[in-house]
Amino acid sequence: MQHVTVPQDRIGVLIGEGGETMREIEEAAEVRLDIDSENGSVAIESVGDPVTGMVAPDIVRAIGRGFAPDAALSLLDHDLRMFDLIDIDDAARNQNDLQRHKGRLIGENGRTRELMEELSGANVVIYGSTLGIIGQPEEVQAVRRAAEMILDGAPHGAVYSFLERKHNELTNDVDLTPE
């Protein structure tokens, strides 16, 4: 059994209307979730395929870090699909710095975050002091590198150029894996 803590304001999203999202996760990941809505603790017990069940904590964590349940459940779509988290707070010296970093990662009208998604193919969410990424390893790596560039103070234009190069690399690679 594994335990994950979910922020209080995301418990409702994890449970879903009438428990719908919780049941969907339990069925898809072959687990049983015991959610303590008082403290945000979620106990995850595998009841089916243990390999499928190993993805459940990341699904719960992803929802807790701001992803929509459908995006989090996409972790089950492909063996290599992964969830990664960048702690923006680690790069910040103080609260003002954290806000500035978040603003740079989001961009004007959310454009920087949108471009990270569009050009990498990954899902990207900024919630609290974290940036969450769901995608294939090369997509996640591209977003992680772009976010690190922004946090290091690189101009947005340089980051967009990097993402466009990565996008071209990713789309020009021939995918030999069967669907």
N, C-alpha and C. Protein backbone atom coordinates (compact mmCIF):
# COMPACT_ATOMS: atom_id res chain seq x y z
N MET A 1 0.85 -1.19 0.00
CA MET A 1 0.00 0.00 0.00
C MET A 1 0.89 1.24 0.00
N GLN A 2 0.50 2.22 -0.83
CA GLN A 2 1.25 3.47 -0.90
C GLN A 2 0.37 4.62 -0.42
N HIS A 3 1.03 5.67 0.05
CA HIS A 3 0.31 6.85 0.53
C HIS A 3 0.78 8.08 -0.22
N VAL A 4 -0.19 8.91 -0.62
CA VAL A 4 0.09 10.17 -1.31
C VAL A 4 -0.73 11.24 -0.61
N THR A 5 -0.16 12.42 -0.46
CA THR A 5 -0.91 13.53 0.13
C THR A 5 -1.29 14.50 -0.98
N VAL A 6 -2.56 14.87 -0.99
CA VAL A 6 -3.12 15.76 -2.01
C VAL A 6 -3.56 17.05 -1.33
N PRO A 7 -3.25 18.22 -1.93
CA PRO A 7 -3.70 19.49 -1.34
C PRO A 7 -5.22 19.51 -1.14
N GLN A 8 -5.65 20.12 -0.06
CA GLN A 8 -7.07 20.16 0.32
C GLN A 8 -7.98 20.62 -0.82
N ASP A 9 -7.54 21.65 -1.58
CA ASP A 9 -8.41 22.18 -2.64
C ASP A 9 -8.47 21.28 -3.87
N ARG A 10 -7.72 20.18 -3.89
CA ARG A 10 -7.76 19.25 -5.04
C ARG A 10 -8.47 17.94 -4.69
N ILE A 11 -8.86 17.76 -3.43
CA ILE A 11 -9.55 16.52 -3.01
C ILE A 11 -10.84 16.34 -3.80
N GLY A 12 -11.62 17.42 -3.96
CA GLY A 12 -12.88 17.35 -4.70
C GLY A 12 -12.67 16.90 -6.14
N VAL A 13 -11.59 17.36 -6.77
CA VAL A 13 -11.28 16.97 -8.15
C VAL A 13 -10.93 15.48 -8.19
N LEU A 14 -10.16 15.03 -7.19
CA LEU A 14 -9.75 13.62 -7.12
C LEU A 14 -10.97 12.71 -6.94
N ILE A 15 -11.90 13.12 -6.11
CA ILE A 15 -13.09 12.32 -5.87
C ILE A 15 -14.05 12.42 -7.05
N GLY A 16 -14.25 13.63 -7.56
CA GLY A 16 -15.16 13.83 -8.68
C GLY A 16 -16.61 13.87 -8.22
N GLU A 17 -17.46 14.25 -9.14
CA GLU A 17 -18.88 14.37 -8.81
C GLU A 17 -19.46 13.00 -8.48
N GLY A 18 -19.95 12.86 -7.25
CA GLY A 18 -20.53 11.59 -6.81
C GLY A 18 -19.51 10.46 -6.76
N GLY A 19 -18.22 10.79 -6.66
CA GLY A 19 -17.18 9.77 -6.59
C GLY A 19 -16.78 9.20 -7.95
N GLU A 20 -17.25 9.85 -9.02
CA GLU A 20 -17.03 9.34 -10.38
C GLU A 20 -15.54 9.23 -10.75
N THR A 21 -14.76 10.28 -10.48
CA THR A 21 -13.34 10.26 -10.84
C THR A 21 -12.60 9.19 -10.03
N MET A 22 -12.89 9.11 -8.75
CA MET A 22 -12.26 8.10 -7.90
C MET A 22 -12.54 6.70 -8.45
N ARG A 23 -13.76 6.42 -8.80
CA ARG A 23 -14.12 5.09 -9.35
C ARG A 23 -13.41 4.84 -10.68
N GLU A 24 -13.30 5.88 -11.50
CA GLU A 24 -12.63 5.75 -12.79
C GLU A 24 -11.14 5.39 -12.60
N ILE A 25 -10.49 6.04 -11.65
CA ILE A 25 -9.08 5.74 -11.35
C ILE A 25 -8.95 4.32 -10.82
N GLU A 26 -9.84 3.96 -9.88
CA GLU A 26 -9.79 2.62 -9.30
C GLU A 26 -9.94 1.54 -10.37
N GLU A 27 -10.87 1.75 -11.28
CA GLU A 27 -11.12 0.76 -12.33
C GLU A 27 -9.97 0.70 -13.33
N ALA A 28 -9.52 1.86 -13.80
CA ALA A 28 -8.47 1.90 -14.84
C ALA A 28 -7.12 1.41 -14.31
N ALA A 29 -6.77 1.78 -13.07
CA ALA A 29 -5.46 1.43 -12.52
C ALA A 29 -5.49 0.16 -11.66
N GLU A 30 -6.66 -0.42 -11.52
CA GLU A 30 -6.84 -1.65 -10.73
C GLU A 30 -6.33 -1.48 -9.30
N VAL A 31 -6.84 -0.42 -8.66
CA VAL A 31 -6.47 -0.11 -7.28
C VAL A 31 -7.72 0.24 -6.47
N ARG A 32 -7.53 0.32 -5.16
CA ARG A 32 -8.58 0.84 -4.28
C ARG A 32 -8.00 2.07 -3.61
N LEU A 33 -8.75 3.17 -3.67
CA LEU A 33 -8.31 4.43 -3.06
C LEU A 33 -9.08 4.67 -1.77
N ASP A 34 -8.37 5.00 -0.72
CA ASP A 34 -8.99 5.38 0.54
C ASP A 34 -8.57 6.83 0.78
N ILE A 35 -9.51 7.76 0.54
CA ILE A 35 -9.22 9.19 0.59
C ILE A 35 -9.71 9.78 1.90
N ASP A 36 -8.79 10.36 2.66
CA ASP A 36 -9.14 11.06 3.89
C ASP A 36 -9.26 12.55 3.55
N SER A 37 -10.49 13.01 3.37
CA SER A 37 -10.69 14.40 2.92
C SER A 37 -10.37 15.42 4.00
N GLU A 38 -10.16 14.97 5.24
CA GLU A 38 -9.78 15.90 6.31
C GLU A 38 -8.34 16.37 6.16
N ASN A 39 -7.42 15.42 5.91
CA ASN A 39 -6.00 15.79 5.85
C ASN A 39 -5.37 15.61 4.47
N GLY A 40 -6.14 15.15 3.49
CA GLY A 40 -5.64 15.01 2.13
C GLY A 40 -4.83 13.75 1.88
N SER A 41 -4.82 12.85 2.84
CA SER A 41 -4.06 11.61 2.70
C SER A 41 -4.84 10.61 1.84
N VAL A 42 -4.14 9.99 0.89
CA VAL A 42 -4.76 9.00 0.01
C VAL A 42 -3.96 7.71 0.11
N ALA A 43 -4.63 6.65 0.58
CA ALA A 43 -4.00 5.33 0.63
C ALA A 43 -4.36 4.61 -0.67
N ILE A 44 -3.36 4.03 -1.33
CA ILE A 44 -3.57 3.37 -2.61
C ILE A 44 -3.17 1.91 -2.47
N GLU A 45 -4.15 1.04 -2.67
CA GLU A 45 -3.91 -0.39 -2.55
C GLU A 45 -4.16 -1.06 -3.89
N SER A 46 -3.16 -1.79 -4.38
CA SER A 46 -3.29 -2.49 -5.65
C SER A 46 -4.18 -3.71 -5.45
N VAL A 47 -5.20 -3.86 -6.33
CA VAL A 47 -6.11 -5.00 -6.22
C VAL A 47 -6.14 -5.83 -7.50
N GLY A 48 -5.37 -5.42 -8.50
CA GLY A 48 -5.33 -6.15 -9.77
C GLY A 48 -3.91 -6.30 -10.23
N ASP A 49 -3.69 -6.00 -11.48
CA ASP A 49 -2.35 -6.08 -12.08
C ASP A 49 -1.41 -5.13 -11.33
N PRO A 50 -0.36 -5.67 -10.69
CA PRO A 50 0.54 -4.81 -9.90
C PRO A 50 1.27 -3.77 -10.76
N VAL A 51 1.57 -4.09 -12.01
CA VAL A 51 2.26 -3.14 -12.88
C VAL A 51 1.36 -1.94 -13.16
N THR A 52 0.10 -2.20 -13.47
CA THR A 52 -0.88 -1.13 -13.68
C THR A 52 -1.04 -0.33 -12.40
N GLY A 53 -1.10 -1.02 -11.28
CA GLY A 53 -1.28 -0.37 -9.98
C GLY A 53 -0.14 0.56 -9.61
N MET A 54 1.07 0.28 -10.16
CA MET A 54 2.23 1.14 -9.84
C MET A 54 2.08 2.55 -10.40
N VAL A 55 1.21 2.73 -11.39
CA VAL A 55 1.01 4.04 -12.00
C VAL A 55 0.04 4.89 -11.15
N ALA A 56 -0.79 4.24 -10.36
CA ALA A 56 -1.83 4.94 -9.59
C ALA A 56 -1.31 6.08 -8.72
N PRO A 57 -0.20 5.92 -7.97
CA PRO A 57 0.27 7.05 -7.16
C PRO A 57 0.60 8.28 -8.01
N ASP A 58 1.17 8.07 -9.21
CA ASP A 58 1.46 9.22 -10.08
C ASP A 58 0.17 9.85 -10.59
N ILE A 59 -0.85 9.05 -10.85
CA ILE A 59 -2.15 9.59 -11.29
C ILE A 59 -2.72 10.48 -10.19
N VAL A 60 -2.70 9.99 -8.96
CA VAL A 60 -3.22 10.75 -7.81
C VAL A 60 -2.39 12.01 -7.59
N ARG A 61 -1.04 11.87 -7.64
CA ARG A 61 -0.14 13.02 -7.48
C ARG A 61 -0.41 14.07 -8.56
N ALA A 62 -0.56 13.62 -9.80
CA ALA A 62 -0.79 14.54 -10.92
C ALA A 62 -2.07 15.34 -10.72
N ILE A 63 -3.14 14.68 -10.30
CA ILE A 63 -4.40 15.39 -10.03
C ILE A 63 -4.18 16.37 -8.88
N GLY A 64 -3.45 15.95 -7.87
CA GLY A 64 -3.14 16.82 -6.73
C GLY A 64 -2.31 18.03 -7.12
N ARG A 65 -1.52 17.93 -8.19
CA ARG A 65 -0.68 19.03 -8.64
C ARG A 65 -1.31 19.83 -9.76
N GLY A 66 -2.63 19.66 -9.97
CA GLY A 66 -3.35 20.56 -10.87
C GLY A 66 -3.80 19.98 -12.20
N PHE A 67 -3.43 18.75 -12.51
CA PHE A 67 -3.86 18.17 -13.79
C PHE A 67 -5.32 17.76 -13.74
N ALA A 68 -5.98 17.84 -14.89
CA ALA A 68 -7.34 17.33 -15.02
C ALA A 68 -7.26 15.81 -14.93
N PRO A 69 -8.30 15.17 -14.40
CA PRO A 69 -8.28 13.70 -14.28
C PRO A 69 -7.98 12.98 -15.60
N ASP A 70 -8.51 13.46 -16.72
CA ASP A 70 -8.25 12.81 -18.01
C ASP A 70 -6.76 12.84 -18.36
N ALA A 71 -6.11 13.97 -18.12
CA ALA A 71 -4.67 14.08 -18.40
C ALA A 71 -3.89 13.13 -17.50
N ALA A 72 -4.27 13.07 -16.22
CA ALA A 72 -3.58 12.18 -15.28
C ALA A 72 -3.78 10.71 -15.67
N LEU A 73 -5.00 10.36 -16.07
CA LEU A 73 -5.28 8.98 -16.47
C LEU A 73 -4.56 8.59 -17.76
N SER A 74 -4.12 9.59 -18.54
CA SER A 74 -3.38 9.28 -19.77
C SER A 74 -2.05 8.60 -19.45
N LEU A 75 -1.62 8.64 -18.19
CA LEU A 75 -0.40 7.93 -17.79
C LEU A 75 -0.53 6.43 -18.03
N LEU A 76 -1.75 5.95 -18.11
CA LEU A 76 -1.99 4.52 -18.37
C LEU A 76 -2.01 4.18 -19.86
N ASP A 77 -2.02 5.21 -20.72
CA ASP A 77 -2.16 4.99 -22.17
C ASP A 77 -0.95 4.34 -22.81
N HIS A 78 0.22 4.56 -22.26
CA HIS A 78 1.44 4.07 -22.89
C HIS A 78 2.45 3.77 -21.78
N ASP A 79 3.19 2.68 -21.93
CA ASP A 79 4.15 2.27 -20.91
C ASP A 79 5.16 3.34 -20.53
N LEU A 80 5.61 4.12 -21.51
CA LEU A 80 6.66 5.09 -21.25
C LEU A 80 6.15 6.45 -20.79
N ARG A 81 4.83 6.67 -20.86
CA ARG A 81 4.27 7.96 -20.45
C ARG A 81 4.61 8.19 -18.98
N MET A 82 5.06 9.41 -18.66
CA MET A 82 5.51 9.66 -17.30
C MET A 82 5.04 11.01 -16.77
N PHE A 83 5.12 11.12 -15.44
CA PHE A 83 4.75 12.34 -14.72
C PHE A 83 6.02 12.88 -14.07
N ASP A 84 6.29 14.17 -14.26
CA ASP A 84 7.46 14.79 -13.66
C ASP A 84 7.03 16.09 -13.01
N LEU A 85 7.75 16.48 -11.98
CA LEU A 85 7.41 17.67 -11.22
C LEU A 85 8.67 18.50 -11.01
N ILE A 86 8.56 19.80 -11.28
CA ILE A 86 9.65 20.73 -11.04
C ILE A 86 9.22 21.65 -9.90
N ASP A 87 10.04 21.72 -8.85
CA ASP A 87 9.73 22.60 -7.72
C ASP A 87 10.29 23.99 -8.02
N ILE A 88 9.40 24.90 -8.37
CA ILE A 88 9.80 26.26 -8.73
C ILE A 88 10.42 26.96 -7.52
N ASP A 89 9.95 26.60 -6.34
CA ASP A 89 10.44 27.18 -5.08
C ASP A 89 11.95 26.99 -4.92
N ASP A 90 12.49 25.88 -5.45
CA ASP A 90 13.93 25.62 -5.35
C ASP A 90 14.76 26.69 -6.04
N ALA A 91 14.21 27.28 -7.09
CA ALA A 91 14.93 28.29 -7.85
C ALA A 91 14.69 29.71 -7.33
N ALA A 92 13.78 29.83 -6.36
CA ALA A 92 13.39 31.16 -5.86
C ALA A 92 14.11 31.49 -4.56
N ARG A 93 14.48 32.75 -4.43
CA ARG A 93 15.14 33.22 -3.21
C ARG A 93 14.13 33.65 -2.15
N ASN A 94 12.97 34.12 -2.60
CA ASN A 94 11.94 34.59 -1.67
C ASN A 94 10.57 34.53 -2.38
N GLN A 95 9.54 34.99 -1.72
CA GLN A 95 8.18 34.92 -2.26
C GLN A 95 8.04 35.73 -3.55
N ASN A 96 8.64 36.92 -3.59
CA ASN A 96 8.57 37.75 -4.80
C ASN A 96 9.24 37.05 -5.98
N ASP A 97 10.37 36.43 -5.70
CA ASP A 97 11.11 35.69 -6.73
C ASP A 97 10.26 34.52 -7.25
N LEU A 98 9.58 33.84 -6.33
CA LEU A 98 8.71 32.72 -6.72
C LEU A 98 7.62 33.21 -7.66
N GLN A 99 6.99 34.33 -7.32
CA GLN A 99 5.93 34.89 -8.17
C GLN A 99 6.46 35.28 -9.54
N ARG A 100 7.65 35.86 -9.57
CA ARG A 100 8.27 36.26 -10.84
C ARG A 100 8.55 35.03 -11.70
N HIS A 101 9.11 34.00 -11.07
CA HIS A 101 9.40 32.75 -11.81
C HIS A 101 8.11 32.13 -12.36
N LYS A 102 7.09 32.08 -11.53
CA LYS A 102 5.81 31.52 -12.00
C LYS A 102 5.27 32.33 -13.17
N GLY A 103 5.35 33.66 -13.05
CA GLY A 103 4.88 34.55 -14.12
C GLY A 103 5.64 34.32 -15.42
N ARG A 104 6.94 34.11 -15.32
CA ARG A 104 7.76 33.87 -16.52
C ARG A 104 7.41 32.51 -17.13
N LEU A 105 7.17 31.50 -16.28
CA LEU A 105 6.82 30.17 -16.80
C LEU A 105 5.44 30.16 -17.45
N ILE A 106 4.52 30.93 -16.89
CA ILE A 106 3.16 31.00 -17.44
C ILE A 106 3.17 31.86 -18.71
N GLY A 107 3.85 33.00 -18.64
CA GLY A 107 3.92 33.90 -19.78
C GLY A 107 2.69 34.78 -19.88
N GLU A 108 2.76 35.76 -20.77
CA GLU A 108 1.65 36.68 -20.95
C GLU A 108 0.44 35.93 -21.48
N ASN A 109 -0.68 36.05 -20.77
CA ASN A 109 -1.93 35.34 -21.10
C ASN A 109 -1.74 33.83 -21.21
N GLY A 110 -0.74 33.28 -20.49
CA GLY A 110 -0.51 31.84 -20.48
C GLY A 110 0.21 31.32 -21.71
N ARG A 111 0.75 32.22 -22.52
CA ARG A 111 1.34 31.83 -23.80
C ARG A 111 2.58 30.94 -23.66
N THR A 112 3.44 31.20 -22.69
CA THR A 112 4.66 30.39 -22.55
C THR A 112 4.29 28.95 -22.19
N ARG A 113 3.38 28.78 -21.25
CA ARG A 113 2.94 27.44 -20.87
C ARG A 113 2.30 26.74 -22.06
N GLU A 114 1.46 27.47 -22.80
CA GLU A 114 0.82 26.91 -23.99
C GLU A 114 1.84 26.45 -25.02
N LEU A 115 2.85 27.28 -25.27
CA LEU A 115 3.89 26.91 -26.24
C LEU A 115 4.66 25.68 -25.78
N MET A 116 4.92 25.58 -24.48
CA MET A 116 5.60 24.38 -23.96
C MET A 116 4.78 23.14 -24.32
N GLU A 117 3.46 23.24 -24.15
CA GLU A 117 2.59 22.10 -24.47
C GLU A 117 2.57 21.83 -25.97
N GLU A 118 2.31 22.87 -26.75
CA GLU A 118 2.18 22.71 -28.20
C GLU A 118 3.44 22.17 -28.85
N LEU A 119 4.59 22.72 -28.47
CA LEU A 119 5.83 22.35 -29.14
C LEU A 119 6.45 21.06 -28.62
N SER A 120 6.09 20.66 -27.40
CA SER A 120 6.66 19.42 -26.86
C SER A 120 5.71 18.23 -27.02
N GLY A 121 4.40 18.52 -27.00
CA GLY A 121 3.42 17.44 -27.04
C GLY A 121 3.03 16.95 -25.66
N ALA A 122 3.66 17.49 -24.61
CA ALA A 122 3.37 17.10 -23.23
C ALA A 122 2.26 17.97 -22.66
N ASN A 123 1.65 17.51 -21.57
CA ASN A 123 0.71 18.33 -20.80
C ASN A 123 1.53 19.06 -19.75
N VAL A 124 1.25 20.35 -19.56
CA VAL A 124 2.00 21.17 -18.61
C VAL A 124 1.03 21.94 -17.73
N VAL A 125 1.24 21.85 -16.41
CA VAL A 125 0.38 22.56 -15.46
C VAL A 125 1.28 23.25 -14.43
N ILE A 126 0.95 24.51 -14.13
CA ILE A 126 1.64 25.22 -13.06
C ILE A 126 0.63 25.42 -11.95
N TYR A 127 0.96 24.85 -10.77
CA TYR A 127 0.04 24.87 -9.64
C TYR A 127 0.86 25.09 -8.38
N GLY A 128 0.47 26.06 -7.58
CA GLY A 128 1.22 26.35 -6.36
C GLY A 128 2.65 26.71 -6.71
N SER A 129 3.61 26.00 -6.15
CA SER A 129 5.01 26.28 -6.43
C SER A 129 5.64 25.17 -7.29
N THR A 130 4.80 24.48 -8.07
CA THR A 130 5.33 23.40 -8.92
C THR A 130 4.89 23.54 -10.37
N LEU A 131 5.71 22.97 -11.26
CA LEU A 131 5.36 22.84 -12.66
C LEU A 131 5.29 21.33 -12.91
N GLY A 132 4.13 20.85 -13.32
CA GLY A 132 3.95 19.43 -13.58
C GLY A 132 3.95 19.15 -15.07
N ILE A 133 4.50 17.99 -15.44
CA ILE A 133 4.60 17.60 -16.85
C ILE A 133 4.15 16.15 -16.98
N ILE A 134 3.30 15.89 -17.98
CA ILE A 134 2.92 14.52 -18.32
C ILE A 134 3.19 14.34 -19.80
N GLY A 135 3.95 13.30 -20.14
CA GLY A 135 4.24 13.04 -21.55
C GLY A 135 5.21 11.89 -21.71
N GLN A 136 5.65 11.69 -22.95
CA GLN A 136 6.67 10.70 -23.25
C GLN A 136 8.00 11.25 -22.72
N PRO A 137 8.98 10.39 -22.45
CA PRO A 137 10.24 10.86 -21.85
C PRO A 137 10.90 12.03 -22.59
N GLU A 138 10.95 11.98 -23.92
CA GLU A 138 11.60 13.07 -24.66
C GLU A 138 10.80 14.37 -24.59
N GLU A 139 9.46 14.26 -24.49
CA GLU A 139 8.61 15.45 -24.34
C GLU A 139 8.83 16.08 -22.97
N VAL A 140 8.84 15.23 -21.94
CA VAL A 140 9.04 15.69 -20.57
C VAL A 140 10.41 16.35 -20.45
N GLN A 141 11.42 15.74 -21.06
CA GLN A 141 12.78 16.28 -21.00
C GLN A 141 12.85 17.66 -21.67
N ALA A 142 12.15 17.83 -22.79
CA ALA A 142 12.15 19.11 -23.50
C ALA A 142 11.51 20.20 -22.63
N VAL A 143 10.38 19.90 -22.00
CA VAL A 143 9.71 20.89 -21.14
C VAL A 143 10.58 21.18 -19.92
N ARG A 144 11.16 20.14 -19.32
CA ARG A 144 12.01 20.33 -18.15
C ARG A 144 13.17 21.28 -18.49
N ARG A 145 13.81 21.06 -19.64
CA ARG A 145 14.94 21.90 -20.06
C ARG A 145 14.47 23.34 -20.31
N ALA A 146 13.34 23.49 -20.98
CA ALA A 146 12.80 24.83 -21.25
C ALA A 146 12.49 25.56 -19.93
N ALA A 147 11.88 24.86 -18.98
CA ALA A 147 11.56 25.46 -17.68
C ALA A 147 12.83 25.86 -16.95
N GLU A 148 13.85 24.98 -17.00
CA GLU A 148 15.12 25.31 -16.34
C GLU A 148 15.76 26.55 -16.98
N MET A 149 15.67 26.66 -18.31
CA MET A 149 16.20 27.84 -18.99
C MET A 149 15.50 29.10 -18.50
N ILE A 150 14.17 29.04 -18.40
CA ILE A 150 13.40 30.20 -17.94
C ILE A 150 13.76 30.54 -16.50
N LEU A 151 13.86 29.52 -15.65
CA LEU A 151 14.20 29.75 -14.24
C LEU A 151 15.62 30.30 -14.09
N ASP A 152 16.49 29.97 -15.04
CA ASP A 152 17.86 30.50 -15.02
C ASP A 152 17.94 31.90 -15.60
N GLY A 153 16.82 32.43 -16.09
CA GLY A 153 16.78 33.80 -16.59
C GLY A 153 16.96 33.96 -18.09
N ALA A 154 16.91 32.86 -18.84
CA ALA A 154 17.05 32.95 -20.30
C ALA A 154 15.91 33.76 -20.88
N PRO A 155 16.17 34.54 -21.95
CA PRO A 155 15.09 35.28 -22.61
C PRO A 155 14.07 34.29 -23.20
N HIS A 156 12.81 34.69 -23.20
CA HIS A 156 11.75 33.82 -23.72
C HIS A 156 12.02 33.41 -25.16
N GLY A 157 12.54 34.34 -25.97
CA GLY A 157 12.83 34.03 -27.37
C GLY A 157 13.78 32.86 -27.53
N ALA A 158 14.80 32.80 -26.68
CA ALA A 158 15.76 31.70 -26.73
C ALA A 158 15.09 30.38 -26.35
N VAL A 159 14.19 30.45 -25.37
CA VAL A 159 13.48 29.24 -24.93
C VAL A 159 12.53 28.77 -26.03
N TYR A 160 11.83 29.70 -26.68
CA TYR A 160 10.93 29.32 -27.77
C TYR A 160 11.71 28.69 -28.92
N SER A 161 12.89 29.24 -29.23
CA SER A 161 13.73 28.67 -30.29
C SER A 161 14.15 27.25 -29.93
N PHE A 162 14.54 27.05 -28.68
CA PHE A 162 14.91 25.71 -28.21
C PHE A 162 13.74 24.75 -28.38
N LEU A 163 12.54 25.19 -27.96
CA LEU A 163 11.35 24.33 -28.05
C LEU A 163 11.00 24.03 -29.51
N GLU A 164 11.16 25.01 -30.39
CA GLU A 164 10.89 24.77 -31.82
C GLU A 164 11.87 23.75 -32.40
N ARG A 165 13.15 23.86 -32.01
CA ARG A 165 14.15 22.87 -32.47
C ARG A 165 13.77 21.48 -31.97
N LYS A 166 13.40 21.39 -30.69
CA LYS A 166 13.01 20.10 -30.11
C LYS A 166 11.77 19.55 -30.82
N HIS A 167 10.81 20.44 -31.09
CA HIS A 167 9.58 20.05 -31.78
C HIS A 167 9.93 19.44 -33.14
N ASN A 168 10.81 20.10 -33.87
CA ASN A 168 11.23 19.59 -35.18
C ASN A 168 11.93 18.25 -35.06
N GLU A 169 12.78 18.11 -34.04
CA GLU A 169 13.45 16.82 -33.81
C GLU A 169 12.43 15.73 -33.51
N LEU A 170 11.48 16.04 -32.62
CA LEU A 170 10.49 15.04 -32.21
C LEU A 170 9.56 14.66 -33.35
N THR A 171 9.17 15.61 -34.17
CA THR A 171 8.23 15.31 -35.26
C THR A 171 8.92 14.70 -36.46
N ASN A 172 10.23 14.90 -36.60
CA ASN A 172 10.95 14.32 -37.73
C ASN A 172 11.49 12.92 -37.43
N ASP A 173 11.50 12.55 -36.14
CA ASP A 173 11.90 11.18 -35.80
C ASP A 173 10.83 10.23 -36.30
N VAL A 174 11.25 9.16 -36.93
CA VAL A 174 10.29 8.16 -37.41
C VAL A 174 9.96 7.25 -36.25
N ASP A 175 8.69 7.12 -35.96
CA ASP A 175 8.24 6.28 -34.85
C ASP A 175 8.04 4.86 -35.37
N LEU A 176 8.91 3.95 -34.93
CA LEU A 176 8.85 2.57 -35.39
C LEU A 176 8.04 1.67 -34.46
N THR A 177 7.55 2.23 -33.35
CA THR A 177 6.77 1.41 -32.43
C THR A 177 5.37 1.20 -32.97
N PRO A 178 4.85 -0.03 -32.87
CA PRO A 178 3.49 -0.29 -33.36
C PRO A 178 2.46 0.38 -32.48
N GLU A 179 1.37 0.81 -33.08
CA GLU A 179 0.31 1.48 -32.34
C GLU A 179 -0.50 0.47 -31.57
